[in-house]
Amino acid sequence: MNLLVSLKYLVALDDHKHFGRAALACHVTQPALSNALRALEAHYACAIVKRGRAFAGFTAEGERVLSSARQLLREQELLQQDLQGRVEAPCGQLLLGAVPTAMPVAARFVAMLQDRHPGIVPTLRSMSSVELETGLDSLALDLGLGYNERMDRSQLRVLPQYGEQYFLLRRRPEGPAGLHRGAAISWAEAGGLPLCLLSAEMHNRSIIDRAFASAGVQPRAAIESNSTVTLVSSVLAGRVCSILPGAWLALLPGQAALEARPLCAPLVEVPMAFMLHPGNRPSHTLAAALQLAQDPVWQDTLRQASFFLD
């Protein structure tokens, strides 16, 4: 048994919560992954994975093995980066998570990082705020981009980035194709429209609901989803409107006649930040990412990407 490979499979199973998806992520067959996990259980003489028709979690002993596996694999990655790269020429993996509304900004960030350091191979994942914080706490993620207002609930290190502002997006019945800025609209007025909103478990939805409550309205969502792409697609396909942050507006297709109206009364601007575990010894790749996050060139890009209609 290759211990490091088996531990990698174990971590992949925790990341994907599904045997088949974990096997695909590791580029092996599902039986090969299952056999490696059984060999790992034999090696440690204890049950690690709860058995069932589908993945049901880990035993108490399995959680301990999983925690050690993450630390061991991280140390292995740090050693590999130390041996194969240099501070000025980092080489290796970087795993970054972002909440759905921040994905356009995070995508620009990893693209600029990889362009500046071709040896870095970033992986970007869309995650809920809870998933993001859990991943950072367990060292499953190197860096996260999410809501600064949640940081009073954790001990994560924070690098403030930008303020997320909101727009009502609707499809115009007539007019030239493309995205156009419309007049400001109050949250109270927007609450009376048919809306496609993120579902209740998403932190962005709690921000939206607070704004509506402050305006004295309680809208009823016509459509709900945990995907920001679904919000955009629903506006393009039907008569619903949606509420999106400015960062998403630059990505909208030009062939449809769309209007984005800034939301006011109240004016909402939510601080967004990069986050990392305070005990996370920076790898060369993470150090390069942290340097870029504070670079004036990136800050200029943020101003362009985050406030498309400002």
Protein backbone atom coordinates (compact mmCIF):
# COMPACT_ATOMS: atom_id res chain seq x y z
CA MET A 1 0.00 0.00 0.00
CA ASN A 2 1.21 3.51 -0.87
CA LEU A 3 0.30 5.38 2.33
CA LEU A 4 0.41 8.89 0.83
CA VAL A 5 -1.80 7.87 -2.08
CA SER A 6 -4.33 6.22 0.24
CA LEU A 7 -4.41 9.33 2.44
CA LYS A 8 -4.95 11.43 -0.67
CA TYR A 9 -7.98 9.27 -1.55
CA LEU A 10 -9.31 9.71 1.99
CA VAL A 11 -9.05 13.51 1.76
CA ALA A 12 -10.73 13.45 -1.67
CA LEU A 13 -13.63 11.46 -0.21
CA ASP A 14 -14.06 14.10 2.49
CA ASP A 15 -13.90 16.91 -0.09
CA HIS A 16 -16.49 15.37 -2.43
CA LYS A 17 -18.64 13.38 0.04
CA HIS A 18 -19.18 10.78 -2.68
CA PHE A 19 -17.13 7.72 -3.65
CA GLY A 20 -17.63 8.12 -7.39
CA ARG A 21 -16.77 11.84 -7.49
CA ALA A 22 -13.75 11.29 -5.24
CA ALA A 23 -12.50 8.56 -7.58
CA LEU A 24 -12.95 10.83 -10.61
CA ALA A 25 -11.03 13.62 -8.85
CA CYS A 26 -8.17 11.20 -8.17
CA HIS A 27 -8.26 9.76 -11.72
CA VAL A 28 -8.88 6.21 -10.51
CA THR A 29 -11.81 3.79 -10.62
CA GLN A 30 -14.21 3.65 -7.70
CA PRO A 31 -13.18 0.05 -6.80
CA ALA A 32 -9.52 1.14 -6.73
CA LEU A 33 -10.37 3.97 -4.34
CA SER A 34 -12.48 1.72 -2.12
CA ASN A 35 -9.75 -0.95 -2.00
CA ALA A 36 -7.16 1.67 -1.01
CA LEU A 37 -9.39 2.88 1.82
CA ARG A 38 -9.89 -0.69 3.05
CA ALA A 39 -6.12 -1.15 2.99
CA LEU A 40 -5.80 2.04 5.02
CA GLU A 41 -8.25 0.64 7.58
CA ALA A 42 -6.24 -2.57 7.75
CA HIS A 43 -3.03 -0.56 8.20
CA TYR A 44 -4.44 1.35 11.18
CA ALA A 45 -6.52 -1.60 12.44
CA CYS A 46 -9.72 0.45 12.76
CA ALA A 47 -12.81 1.40 10.79
CA ILE A 48 -12.35 4.78 9.07
CA VAL A 49 -15.34 5.15 6.74
CA LYS A 50 -18.92 4.49 7.86
CA ARG A 51 -20.30 1.77 5.64
CA GLY A 52 -23.60 2.15 3.81
CA ARG A 53 -25.14 2.25 0.36
CA ALA A 54 -23.69 5.75 -0.03
CA PHE A 55 -21.05 7.79 1.74
CA ALA A 56 -22.24 8.34 5.33
CA GLY A 57 -19.23 10.05 6.90
CA PHE A 58 -16.29 8.92 8.98
CA THR A 59 -15.97 7.13 12.29
CA ALA A 60 -14.41 8.94 15.26
CA GLU A 61 -11.13 7.18 14.47
CA GLY A 62 -11.57 8.13 10.82
CA GLU A 63 -11.88 11.81 11.71
CA ARG A 64 -8.54 11.59 13.53
CA VAL A 65 -6.90 9.88 10.56
CA LEU A 66 -8.43 12.47 8.21
CA SER A 67 -7.07 15.38 10.27
CA SER A 68 -3.58 13.87 10.30
CA ALA A 69 -3.86 13.08 6.58
CA ARG A 70 -4.54 16.73 5.73
CA GLN A 71 -1.59 17.89 7.80
CA LEU A 72 0.72 15.24 6.34
CA LEU A 73 -0.30 15.99 2.73
CA ARG A 74 0.10 19.72 3.35
CA GLU A 75 3.60 19.22 4.73
CA GLN A 76 4.36 17.07 1.69
CA GLU A 77 3.17 19.88 -0.62
CA LEU A 78 5.23 22.47 1.30
CA LEU A 79 8.33 20.29 1.05
CA GLN A 80 7.78 19.75 -2.67
CA GLN A 81 7.38 23.48 -3.26
CA ASP A 82 10.52 24.21 -1.22
CA LEU A 83 12.52 21.74 -3.28
CA GLN A 84 11.11 22.51 -6.73
CA GLY A 85 10.47 26.25 -6.55
CA ARG A 86 11.79 29.47 -5.09
CA VAL A 87 10.14 32.42 -3.41
CA GLU A 88 10.60 34.50 -6.56
CA ALA A 89 9.50 31.62 -8.82
CA PRO A 90 6.84 29.64 -6.90
CA CYS A 91 5.80 26.27 -8.27
CA GLY A 92 2.95 24.07 -7.10
CA GLN A 93 -0.73 23.84 -6.20
CA LEU A 94 -2.94 26.54 -4.69
CA LEU A 95 -6.51 25.73 -3.63
CA LEU A 96 -8.80 28.75 -3.37
CA GLY A 97 -12.49 28.86 -2.51
CA ALA A 98 -14.95 31.71 -3.07
CA VAL A 99 -18.60 32.36 -2.30
CA PRO A 100 -20.74 32.29 -5.48
CA THR A 101 -21.24 36.06 -5.71
CA ALA A 102 -17.45 36.60 -5.62
CA MET A 103 -16.55 34.02 -8.27
CA PRO A 104 -15.98 36.58 -11.10
CA VAL A 105 -13.51 38.46 -8.88
CA ALA A 106 -11.82 35.24 -7.73
CA ALA A 107 -11.52 34.06 -11.35
CA ARG A 108 -9.74 37.29 -12.32
CA PHE A 109 -7.45 36.86 -9.32
CA VAL A 110 -6.31 33.32 -10.12
CA ALA A 111 -5.86 34.22 -13.80
CA MET A 112 -3.65 37.19 -12.90
CA LEU A 113 -1.75 35.06 -10.35
CA GLN A 114 -1.08 32.31 -12.89
CA ASP A 115 -0.06 34.85 -15.52
CA ARG A 116 2.42 36.39 -13.09
CA HIS A 117 3.67 33.00 -11.82
CA PRO A 118 3.28 30.31 -14.52
CA GLY A 119 4.52 27.63 -12.13
CA ILE A 120 1.45 27.99 -9.92
CA VAL A 121 -1.52 25.72 -10.66
CA PRO A 122 -4.58 27.30 -8.97
CA THR A 123 -7.79 25.39 -8.33
CA LEU A 124 -10.84 27.59 -7.73
CA ARG A 125 -14.02 26.22 -6.13
CA SER A 126 -17.41 27.86 -5.59
CA MET A 127 -18.48 27.26 -1.97
CA SER A 128 -21.01 28.44 0.58
CA SER A 129 -19.73 30.60 3.44
CA VAL A 130 -19.94 27.66 5.85
CA GLU A 131 -18.05 25.38 3.46
CA LEU A 132 -15.45 28.09 2.95
CA GLU A 133 -14.82 28.60 6.65
CA THR A 134 -14.79 24.86 7.35
CA GLY A 135 -12.28 24.33 4.55
CA LEU A 136 -9.99 27.05 5.87
CA ASP A 137 -10.24 25.80 9.47
CA SER A 138 -9.32 22.25 8.41
CA LEU A 139 -6.53 23.47 6.06
CA ALA A 140 -8.43 21.92 3.13
CA LEU A 141 -8.19 25.37 1.48
CA ASP A 142 -5.22 27.69 1.17
CA LEU A 143 -7.22 30.87 0.69
CA GLY A 144 -10.85 31.96 0.63
CA LEU A 145 -12.77 34.97 -0.69
CA GLY A 146 -15.93 35.68 1.23
CA TYR A 147 -17.94 37.94 3.52
CA ASN A 148 -15.93 39.99 6.00
CA GLU A 149 -18.99 40.39 8.26
CA ARG A 150 -18.84 36.70 9.22
CA MET A 151 -15.33 36.98 10.64
CA ASP A 152 -16.53 37.69 14.17
CA ARG A 153 -17.54 34.01 14.18
CA SER A 154 -14.05 32.69 13.43
CA GLN A 155 -10.37 33.30 14.06
CA LEU A 156 -9.36 33.53 10.41
CA ARG A 157 -6.84 36.08 9.18
CA VAL A 158 -8.53 38.68 6.96
CA LEU A 159 -7.28 40.77 4.02
CA PRO A 160 -10.07 43.26 3.09
CA GLN A 161 -10.65 43.59 -0.68
CA TYR A 162 -13.79 45.44 -1.84
CA GLY A 163 -17.40 46.28 -1.03
CA GLU A 164 -20.12 44.21 -2.71
CA GLN A 165 -22.93 46.41 -4.08
CA TYR A 166 -26.27 45.20 -5.43
CA PHE A 167 -28.33 45.77 -8.58
CA LEU A 168 -31.75 44.67 -9.73
CA LEU A 169 -31.32 42.87 -13.05
CA ARG A 170 -34.24 42.61 -15.48
CA ARG A 171 -34.77 41.85 -19.13
CA ARG A 172 -36.06 44.86 -21.04
CA PRO A 173 -39.06 44.23 -23.32
CA GLU A 174 -37.52 46.33 -26.09
CA GLY A 175 -34.45 48.35 -26.96
CA PRO A 176 -30.93 47.60 -28.22
CA ALA A 177 -29.09 44.49 -27.05
CA GLY A 178 -26.56 44.77 -24.27
CA LEU A 179 -26.50 45.71 -20.61
CA HIS A 180 -27.70 49.19 -19.74
CA ARG A 181 -27.69 51.05 -16.45
CA GLY A 182 -31.13 52.10 -15.34
CA ALA A 183 -32.34 54.48 -12.68
CA ALA A 184 -31.95 53.53 -9.04
CA ILE A 185 -34.74 51.48 -7.49
CA SER A 186 -35.65 51.09 -3.83
CA TRP A 187 -35.61 47.71 -2.10
CA ALA A 188 -39.26 48.24 -1.26
CA GLU A 189 -40.17 48.60 -4.93
CA ALA A 190 -37.96 45.66 -5.92
CA GLY A 191 -39.71 43.50 -3.30
CA GLY A 192 -42.94 43.67 -5.27
CA LEU A 193 -41.39 42.14 -8.41
CA PRO A 194 -41.13 38.40 -9.28
CA LEU A 195 -37.62 37.51 -8.12
CA CYS A 196 -35.14 34.69 -8.59
CA LEU A 197 -32.98 34.64 -5.45
CA LEU A 198 -30.29 32.52 -3.89
CA SER A 199 -31.68 29.87 -1.53
CA ALA A 200 -31.91 30.31 2.23
CA GLU A 201 -28.70 28.43 3.16
CA MET A 202 -26.56 30.93 1.22
CA HIS A 203 -25.20 33.82 3.28
CA ASN A 204 -25.90 36.28 0.45
CA ARG A 205 -29.61 35.53 0.86
CA SER A 206 -29.48 36.65 4.51
CA ILE A 207 -27.93 39.95 3.34
CA ILE A 208 -30.70 40.41 0.77
CA ASP A 209 -33.40 39.52 3.31
CA ARG A 210 -31.99 42.04 5.82
CA ALA A 211 -32.11 44.79 3.19
CA PHE A 212 -35.73 43.98 2.35
CA ALA A 213 -36.64 43.87 6.06
CA SER A 214 -35.00 47.27 6.55
CA ALA A 215 -37.21 48.58 3.72
CA GLY A 216 -40.29 47.09 5.41
CA VAL A 217 -41.06 44.40 2.83
CA GLN A 218 -40.92 40.62 2.75
CA PRO A 219 -40.64 39.44 -0.86
CA ARG A 220 -41.71 36.02 -2.03
CA ALA A 221 -39.13 34.42 -4.33
CA ALA A 222 -40.57 33.04 -7.55
CA ILE A 223 -37.44 30.89 -8.05
CA GLU A 224 -34.66 29.90 -5.64
CA SER A 225 -31.26 28.37 -6.37
CA ASN A 226 -27.82 27.98 -4.77
CA SER A 227 -26.24 28.95 -8.11
CA THR A 228 -25.66 32.54 -9.20
CA VAL A 229 -25.52 31.34 -12.80
CA THR A 230 -29.11 30.14 -12.38
CA LEU A 231 -30.16 33.63 -11.31
CA VAL A 232 -28.73 35.10 -14.51
CA SER A 233 -30.15 32.32 -16.70
CA SER A 234 -33.62 32.76 -15.20
CA VAL A 235 -33.63 36.48 -16.00
CA LEU A 236 -32.51 35.74 -19.57
CA ALA A 237 -35.14 33.04 -20.08
CA GLY A 238 -38.24 34.43 -18.39
CA ARG A 239 -40.00 37.35 -16.80
CA VAL A 240 -38.35 37.17 -13.37
CA CYS A 241 -35.87 39.72 -12.07
CA SER A 242 -32.91 39.03 -9.83
CA ILE A 243 -30.52 40.78 -7.47
CA LEU A 244 -26.84 40.53 -8.35
CA PRO A 245 -23.59 42.09 -7.14
CA GLY A 246 -21.76 44.46 -9.48
CA ALA A 247 -18.98 41.91 -10.05
CA TRP A 248 -21.35 39.68 -12.06
CA LEU A 249 -22.62 42.37 -14.40
CA ALA A 250 -19.49 42.47 -16.57
CA LEU A 251 -20.02 38.78 -17.42
CA LEU A 252 -23.53 39.13 -18.81
CA PRO A 253 -24.08 38.26 -22.49
CA GLY A 254 -24.33 41.14 -24.93
CA GLN A 255 -27.04 39.70 -27.17
CA ALA A 256 -29.88 40.22 -24.68
CA ALA A 257 -31.48 43.56 -23.79
CA LEU A 258 -30.80 43.81 -20.05
CA GLU A 259 -31.08 46.58 -17.50
CA ALA A 260 -29.25 46.82 -14.17
CA ARG A 261 -30.71 49.24 -11.63
CA PRO A 262 -28.74 50.15 -8.49
CA LEU A 263 -30.64 49.26 -5.33
CA CYS A 264 -31.12 51.99 -2.73
CA ALA A 265 -33.05 52.85 0.43
CA PRO A 266 -31.12 51.32 2.07
CA LEU A 267 -27.80 51.51 0.24
CA VAL A 268 -26.06 48.18 0.89
CA GLU A 269 -22.32 47.63 0.55
CA VAL A 270 -20.94 44.42 2.08
CA PRO A 271 -17.18 44.14 2.75
CA MET A 272 -15.49 41.21 0.99
CA ALA A 273 -12.13 39.82 2.03
CA PHE A 274 -9.55 37.14 1.41
CA MET A 275 -9.24 34.80 4.41
CA LEU A 276 -6.75 32.21 5.55
CA HIS A 277 -6.04 30.15 8.64
CA PRO A 278 -3.75 32.09 11.03
CA GLY A 279 -1.71 28.95 11.71
CA ASN A 280 -1.29 28.18 8.02
CA ARG A 281 2.45 28.32 7.30
CA PRO A 282 2.45 29.96 3.86
CA SER A 283 3.72 27.88 0.97
CA HIS A 284 5.55 29.66 -1.85
CA THR A 285 2.31 29.66 -3.84
CA LEU A 286 0.22 31.06 -0.97
CA ALA A 287 2.85 33.72 -0.26
CA ALA A 288 2.66 34.79 -3.91
CA ALA A 289 -1.14 34.95 -3.72
CA LEU A 290 -1.03 37.08 -0.56
CA GLN A 291 1.45 39.43 -2.21
CA LEU A 292 -0.83 39.83 -5.24
CA ALA A 293 -3.88 40.43 -3.03
CA GLN A 294 -2.17 43.57 -1.69
CA ASP A 295 -0.61 44.69 -4.99
CA PRO A 296 -1.73 48.09 -6.38
CA VAL A 297 -2.17 46.51 -9.83
CA TRP A 298 -4.68 44.03 -8.39
CA GLN A 299 -6.43 46.80 -6.46
CA ASP A 300 -6.92 48.70 -9.75
CA THR A 301 -8.34 45.53 -11.32
CA LEU A 302 -10.72 45.18 -8.37
CA ARG A 303 -12.08 48.66 -8.91
CA GLN A 304 -12.85 47.79 -12.52
CA ALA A 305 -14.24 44.31 -11.88
CA SER A 306 -16.32 44.95 -8.77
CA PHE A 307 -18.06 48.15 -9.69
CA PHE A 308 -18.83 47.62 -13.32
CA LEU A 309 -21.62 50.18 -13.41
CA ASP A 310 -20.18 52.75 -11.01
